Protein backbone atom coordinates (compact mmCIF):
# COMPACT_ATOMS: atom_id res chain seq x y z
CA MET A 1 162.83 217.91 160.86
CA LEU A 2 165.42 215.80 159.36
CA LEU A 3 162.70 213.08 158.60
CA LEU A 4 160.43 215.57 156.52
CA LEU A 5 163.88 216.64 154.72
CA LEU A 6 164.31 213.11 153.95
CA GLY A 7 160.76 212.37 153.11
CA ILE A 8 161.36 215.34 150.58
CA ILE A 9 164.17 214.20 149.26
CA VAL A 10 162.95 210.75 148.44
CA LEU A 11 159.83 212.31 146.97
CA HIS A 12 162.13 214.65 144.63
CA VAL A 13 164.27 211.46 143.48
CA THR A 14 161.17 209.01 142.83
CA VAL A 15 159.80 212.38 140.58
CA LEU A 16 163.07 212.60 138.53
CA VAL A 17 162.92 208.95 137.95
CA LEU A 18 159.44 208.94 136.87
CA LEU A 19 160.33 211.83 134.57
CA PHE A 20 162.83 210.29 132.60
CA ILE A 21 160.93 206.88 132.55
CA SER A 22 157.88 208.81 130.70
CA THR A 23 160.63 210.60 128.37
CA ILE A 24 162.07 207.06 127.39
CA VAL A 25 159.91 204.76 127.45
CA SER A 26 158.32 203.40 124.11
CA GLN A 27 154.98 202.48 123.31
CA TRP A 28 152.88 204.79 125.63
CA LEU A 29 149.56 203.63 123.21
CA VAL A 30 149.39 200.13 122.19
CA ASN A 31 146.65 199.56 119.74
CA GLY A 32 146.84 195.92 118.26
CA GLU A 33 149.97 196.50 115.52
CA HIS A 34 149.90 200.13 116.08
CA THR A 35 152.05 201.63 118.96
CA ALA A 36 152.89 205.09 119.44
CA ASP A 37 154.90 207.47 122.06
CA LEU A 38 156.66 210.80 121.99
CA TRP A 39 159.13 210.19 119.54
CA GLN A 40 157.70 207.53 116.76
CA ASN A 41 154.54 205.73 115.80
CA CYS A 42 155.23 202.25 114.49
CA THR A 43 153.13 199.79 112.95
CA SER A 44 153.99 196.07 112.69
CA GLY A 45 152.85 193.58 110.59
CA THR A 46 154.68 191.66 108.12
CA ILE A 47 157.26 194.64 108.07
CA PHE A 48 158.00 196.60 111.10
CA HIS A 49 157.82 200.49 110.09
CA CYS A 50 158.60 203.32 112.32
CA LEU A 51 157.57 206.76 111.43
CA THR A 52 158.82 210.07 113.52
CA SER A 53 155.99 211.52 115.31
CA SER A 54 157.00 215.28 115.27
CA THR A 55 154.47 216.36 112.33
CA ASN A 56 152.22 218.37 114.90
CA GLU A 57 153.49 221.51 116.48
CA TRP A 58 151.95 220.61 119.67
CA LEU A 59 153.93 217.37 119.72
CA GLN A 60 157.20 219.21 119.38
CA SER A 61 156.33 221.42 122.06
CA VAL A 62 155.89 218.58 124.36
CA GLN A 63 159.09 216.94 123.46
CA ALA A 64 160.75 220.01 124.07
CA MET A 65 159.04 220.81 127.44
CA MET A 66 160.30 217.18 128.45
CA ILE A 67 163.74 217.62 127.47
CA LEU A 68 163.75 221.18 129.46
CA SER A 69 162.10 219.41 132.54
CA ILE A 70 164.61 216.88 132.54
CA ILE A 71 167.56 219.33 132.05
CA PHE A 72 165.78 221.76 134.87
CA SER A 73 165.49 219.02 137.28
CA VAL A 74 169.14 217.78 137.19
CA LEU A 75 170.08 221.21 137.82
C-alpha cells in the first residue's frame, strides 16, 4: 500500500513539473524563421520581432486555463 501511495505521489509531481514546463517554455512551434508559443509569435530574420499571440479568444482562454491549472495544482 505504501508503494502505491509513493507511486501516486511521484506521478502527481511529474505531472505538475510537466505542466509548469509546458506553460513556461517558449517555441512550441518552430518553422524556419518563425517561432510560436502560448504567449508570443516571433520572427527572426535581419531583425528579431515578437508580437503577442493573445488576439484570438480561444488562445486567451487556453492561457487562462493553463494559469488556473497551475494555481489549483499547487493548492
